[in-house]
């Protein structure tokens, strides 16, 4: 077990959970001039995976009971994972680590690497080949879920698309109007990369096309300065409802 050193609270002052176009990240964890216990716990687990309740309580300078309360909440949110560790003598104890969702709460430097990779791809491959790669990524994702939506009605498929988009970092909803159905995206995780490589915009639309199996028209795009990405379903609404 790695012993957790006393955390430098000055480091934590640069972190907080915030919402941005690229998703949630941690920056500036300050609440009324003090570091949030929740964020100290998260930061400690990030620095030392397999942390125990006692170590977290020491780092956050709170009681184990208070730590357990925060851990229960974080586990319910899917941010952390717990594992039971057996000892040779005595009762087992629990250790905590960040889940994949929890890892995404912390800042990453994906954008720079992604831009470099795309620059390299585009310098070596024709435009059609690059677009085919993005479409292939969508097809790979769909193949992982294909049996989950094939028997769904159209509106159930709309719900399914929104759930898939949410898992990929999009904030979106669908609605039915007098003219048919539409999907509105309010947040895009790829907007920073898309400002240089608009090919990434094919991802969400191809996902909709594949799952919904109807023509889709895009009316606005956040990359163009619009407030949202607006898509409408082109076709016979009555047929969609009955499907």
Protein backbone atom coordinates (compact mmCIF):
# COMPACT_ATOMS: atom_id res chain seq x y z
CA UNK A 1 0.00 0.00 0.00
CA UNK A 2 1.40 3.39 -1.01
CA UNK A 3 1.31 5.78 1.93
CA UNK A 4 -0.33 9.07 1.05
CA UNK A 5 1.80 12.07 1.85
CA UNK A 6 0.18 15.21 3.14
CA UNK A 7 -1.38 16.92 0.11
CA UNK A 8 -0.18 20.40 -0.68
CA UNK A 9 -3.43 22.35 -0.46
CA UNK A 10 -1.97 25.01 -2.75
CA UNK A 11 -2.11 22.50 -5.59
CA UNK A 12 -5.78 21.85 -4.95
CA UNK A 13 -6.60 25.53 -5.18
CA UNK A 14 -6.20 25.19 -8.95
CA UNK A 15 -8.91 22.55 -9.31
CA UNK A 16 -12.70 22.44 -9.34
CA UNK A 17 -15.45 20.57 -11.20
CA UNK A 18 -16.79 22.80 -13.95
CA UNK A 19 -18.79 22.44 -17.17
CA UNK A 20 -17.20 23.39 -20.48
CA UNK A 21 -17.72 22.66 -24.14
CA UNK A 22 -15.15 19.90 -23.89
CA UNK A 23 -16.79 18.27 -20.85
CA UNK A 24 -16.26 18.36 -17.09
CA UNK A 25 -12.80 18.93 -15.64
CA UNK A 26 -11.25 19.84 -12.32
CA UNK A 27 -9.92 23.31 -11.79
CA UNK A 28 -9.93 25.56 -8.71
CA UNK A 29 -11.57 23.63 -5.86
CA UNK A 30 -12.39 26.50 -3.59
CA UNK A 31 -15.56 26.86 -1.53
CA UNK A 32 -15.79 29.99 0.63
CA UNK A 33 -12.00 30.17 0.68
CA UNK A 34 -11.57 26.52 1.67
CA UNK A 35 -10.88 23.41 -0.36
CA UNK A 36 -13.89 21.15 -0.85
CA UNK A 37 -13.62 17.90 1.11
CA UNK A 38 -15.12 16.07 -1.86
CA UNK A 39 -12.43 17.38 -4.20
CA UNK A 40 -9.60 16.72 -1.75
CA UNK A 41 -10.82 13.11 -1.61
CA UNK A 42 -10.96 12.89 -5.39
CA UNK A 43 -7.53 14.46 -5.79
CA UNK A 44 -6.04 12.14 -3.16
CA UNK A 45 -7.44 9.06 -4.89
CA UNK A 46 -6.06 10.40 -8.17
CA UNK A 47 -2.59 10.81 -6.67
CA UNK A 48 -2.67 7.46 -4.85
CA UNK A 49 -4.99 4.77 -6.22
CA UNK A 50 -6.05 2.03 -3.78
CA UNK A 51 -6.45 4.60 -1.01
CA UNK A 52 -8.07 3.55 2.25
CA UNK A 53 -10.67 5.45 4.26
CA UNK A 54 -8.13 6.21 6.96
CA UNK A 55 -5.67 7.68 4.45
CA UNK A 56 -8.38 9.79 2.84
CA UNK A 57 -9.52 11.04 6.24
CA UNK A 58 -5.95 12.05 7.08
CA UNK A 59 -5.49 13.87 3.78
CA UNK A 60 -8.81 15.74 4.02
CA UNK A 61 -8.43 16.35 7.78
CA UNK A 62 -11.92 15.03 8.50
CA UNK A 63 -13.31 12.01 10.33
CA UNK A 64 -13.61 8.56 8.66
CA UNK A 65 -17.38 8.88 9.03
CA UNK A 66 -17.37 12.03 6.91
CA UNK A 67 -15.15 10.34 4.33
CA UNK A 68 -17.54 7.36 4.13
CA UNK A 69 -20.42 9.75 3.43
CA UNK A 70 -18.55 11.33 0.51
CA UNK A 71 -17.36 7.96 -0.80
CA UNK A 72 -20.91 6.59 -0.83
CA UNK A 73 -22.04 9.59 -2.87
CA UNK A 74 -19.10 9.35 -5.28
CA UNK A 75 -19.65 5.62 -5.74
CA UNK A 76 -23.36 6.17 -6.46
CA UNK A 77 -22.37 8.73 -9.11
CA UNK A 78 -20.04 6.19 -10.73
CA UNK A 79 -16.98 8.36 -10.11
CA UNK A 80 -15.04 5.89 -7.94
CA UNK A 81 -14.67 2.12 -7.62
CA UNK A 82 -14.24 0.09 -4.43
CA UNK A 83 -12.36 -3.15 -3.94
CA UNK A 84 -12.19 -5.47 -0.93
CA UNK A 85 -8.68 -6.50 0.11
CA UNK A 86 -8.25 -9.58 2.28
CA UNK A 87 -5.57 -9.77 4.94
CA UNK A 88 -3.83 -12.85 6.28
CA UNK A 89 -5.21 -11.99 9.69
CA UNK A 90 -8.28 -9.94 10.52
CA UNK A 91 -11.16 -8.56 8.55
CA UNK A 92 -10.77 -7.39 4.94
CA UNK A 93 -10.55 -3.67 4.23
CA UNK A 94 -11.66 -1.51 1.30
CA UNK A 95 -9.57 0.53 -1.10
CA UNK A 96 -10.81 3.17 -3.52
CA UNK A 97 -9.77 4.22 -7.01
CA UNK A 98 -11.16 6.43 -9.75
CA UNK A 99 -13.44 4.88 -12.35
CA UNK A 100 -13.09 5.75 -16.03
CA UNK A 101 -15.77 8.39 -15.48
CA UNK A 102 -13.83 9.72 -12.50
CA UNK A 103 -10.64 10.00 -14.53
CA UNK A 104 -12.47 12.25 -16.98
CA UNK A 105 -13.08 14.78 -14.20
CA UNK A 106 -9.43 15.75 -14.30
CA UNK A 107 -7.77 17.85 -16.98
CA UNK A 108 -6.22 16.04 -19.92
CA UNK A 109 -4.03 17.19 -22.78
CA UNK A 110 -5.81 15.18 -25.45
CA UNK A 111 -6.48 18.08 -27.79
CA UNK A 112 -2.85 18.74 -28.69
CA UNK A 113 -2.10 15.06 -29.37
CA UNK A 114 -5.36 14.60 -31.31
CA UNK A 115 -4.62 17.62 -33.49
CA UNK A 116 -1.13 16.33 -34.23
CA UNK A 117 -2.42 12.87 -35.12
CA UNK A 118 -5.06 14.32 -37.44
CA UNK A 119 -2.49 16.63 -39.06
CA UNK A 120 -0.31 13.60 -39.74
CA UNK A 121 -3.22 11.55 -41.13
CA UNK A 122 -4.30 14.36 -43.45
CA UNK A 123 -0.75 14.86 -44.70
CA UNK A 124 -0.49 11.20 -45.69
CA UNK A 125 -4.01 10.27 -46.76
CA UNK A 126 -6.54 11.76 -49.20
CA UNK A 127 -9.54 13.57 -47.72
CA UNK A 128 -11.93 10.73 -48.59
CA UNK A 129 -9.77 8.24 -46.69
CA UNK A 130 -9.73 10.44 -43.58
CA UNK A 131 -13.53 10.77 -43.71
CA UNK A 132 -13.81 7.00 -44.11
CA UNK A 133 -11.77 6.56 -40.94
CA UNK A 134 -14.21 8.68 -38.94
CA UNK A 135 -17.17 6.77 -40.38
CA UNK A 136 -15.38 3.53 -39.49
CA UNK A 137 -15.10 4.68 -35.87
CA UNK A 138 -18.87 5.16 -35.75
CA UNK A 139 -19.50 1.76 -37.33
CA UNK A 140 -17.23 0.14 -34.76
CA UNK A 141 -19.18 1.81 -31.94
CA UNK A 142 -22.50 0.76 -33.48
CA UNK A 143 -21.36 -2.84 -33.88
CA UNK A 144 -20.77 -2.96 -30.13
CA UNK A 145 -24.42 -1.99 -29.53
CA UNK A 146 -26.20 -3.25 -32.64
CA UNK A 147 -28.39 -5.86 -30.95
CA UNK A 148 -29.55 -3.28 -28.41
CA UNK A 149 -31.54 -1.00 -30.74
CA UNK A 150 -32.57 -3.00 -33.83
CA UNK A 151 -35.97 -3.96 -32.39
CA UNK A 152 -36.75 -0.54 -30.89
CA UNK A 153 -39.47 1.81 -32.12
CA UNK A 154 -38.39 5.09 -33.66
CA UNK A 155 -38.89 7.15 -30.50
CA UNK A 156 -37.10 4.47 -28.47
CA UNK A 157 -34.24 4.74 -30.95
CA UNK A 158 -34.20 8.50 -30.41
CA UNK A 159 -33.83 7.90 -26.67
CA UNK A 160 -31.08 5.40 -27.41
CA UNK A 161 -29.20 7.88 -29.62
CA UNK A 162 -29.34 10.52 -26.88
CA UNK A 163 -27.94 8.00 -24.40
CA UNK A 164 -25.11 7.03 -26.77
CA UNK A 165 -24.29 10.68 -27.39
CA UNK A 166 -24.24 11.32 -23.63
CA UNK A 167 -21.75 8.47 -23.13
CA UNK A 168 -19.53 10.11 -25.73
CA UNK A 169 -19.71 13.47 -23.94
CA UNK A 170 -22.52 15.23 -25.83
CA UNK A 171 -25.38 17.06 -24.12
CA UNK A 172 -28.43 16.60 -26.33
CA UNK A 173 -32.18 16.08 -26.39
CA UNK A 174 -34.84 15.22 -28.97
CA UNK A 175 -38.31 16.62 -29.44
CA UNK A 176 -41.29 16.12 -31.71
CA UNK A 177 -42.73 19.14 -33.51
CA UNK A 178 -45.56 19.62 -35.99
CA UNK A 179 -42.98 19.19 -38.74
CA UNK A 180 -41.45 16.00 -37.36
CA UNK A 181 -38.59 15.10 -35.07
CA UNK A 182 -35.44 17.02 -34.23
CA UNK A 183 -32.30 16.55 -32.16
CA UNK A 184 -30.59 19.49 -30.51
CA UNK A 185 -27.05 19.31 -29.13
CA UNK A 186 -26.05 21.95 -26.59
CA UNK A 187 -22.53 20.73 -25.83
CA UNK A 188 -19.94 18.97 -27.99
CA UNK A 189 -16.83 17.26 -26.54
CA UNK A 190 -14.97 17.66 -29.84
CA UNK A 191 -15.50 21.38 -30.40
CA UNK A 192 -11.88 22.29 -29.60
CA UNK A 193 -10.51 19.71 -32.06
CA UNK A 194 -13.27 20.50 -34.57
CA UNK A 195 -12.15 24.12 -34.84
CA UNK A 196 -9.12 22.82 -36.74
CA UNK A 197 -10.45 19.51 -38.06
CA UNK A 198 -14.10 19.73 -39.00
CA UNK A 199 -14.08 16.05 -39.98
CA UNK A 200 -14.89 15.22 -36.36
CA UNK A 201 -18.33 16.69 -36.95
CA UNK A 202 -19.23 13.58 -38.94
CA UNK A 203 -19.23 11.49 -35.75
CA UNK A 204 -22.55 12.50 -34.18
CA UNK A 205 -24.43 12.78 -37.46
CA UNK A 206 -23.25 9.37 -38.65
CA UNK A 207 -24.28 7.93 -35.29
CA UNK A 208 -27.79 9.34 -35.74
CA UNK A 209 -28.02 8.14 -39.33
CA UNK A 210 -27.00 4.61 -38.43
CA UNK A 211 -29.26 4.14 -35.40
CA UNK A 212 -32.33 6.01 -36.68
CA UNK A 213 -32.03 4.76 -40.27
CA UNK A 214 -33.67 7.88 -41.75
CA UNK A 215 -32.26 10.88 -43.68
CA UNK A 216 -31.03 13.68 -41.41
CA UNK A 217 -30.59 17.36 -42.19
CA UNK A 218 -28.34 19.64 -40.15
CA UNK A 219 -29.47 23.26 -39.73
CA UNK A 220 -26.86 24.72 -37.37
CA UNK A 221 -23.45 23.92 -35.93
CA UNK A 222 -21.60 25.24 -32.88
CA UNK A 223 -18.38 25.30 -34.91
CA UNK A 224 -19.99 27.99 -37.05
CA UNK A 225 -20.77 30.10 -34.00
CA UNK A 226 -24.33 28.84 -33.49
CA UNK A 227 -25.70 28.22 -30.00
CA UNK A 228 -26.38 24.56 -30.75
CA UNK A 229 -26.17 21.83 -33.37
CA UNK A 230 -29.69 21.33 -34.75
CA UNK A 231 -30.71 18.23 -36.72
CA UNK A 232 -34.09 17.31 -38.18
CA UNK A 233 -35.34 13.95 -39.37
CA UNK A 234 -36.28 14.05 -43.06
CA UNK A 235 -39.10 11.71 -44.04
CA UNK A 236 -42.63 10.63 -43.30
CA UNK A 237 -43.31 11.31 -39.62
CA UNK A 238 -46.25 8.91 -39.53
CA UNK A 239 -44.03 6.09 -40.74
CA UNK A 240 -41.45 6.95 -38.08
CA UNK A 241 -44.04 6.82 -35.31
CA UNK A 242 -45.39 3.47 -36.46
CA UNK A 243 -41.93 1.90 -36.85
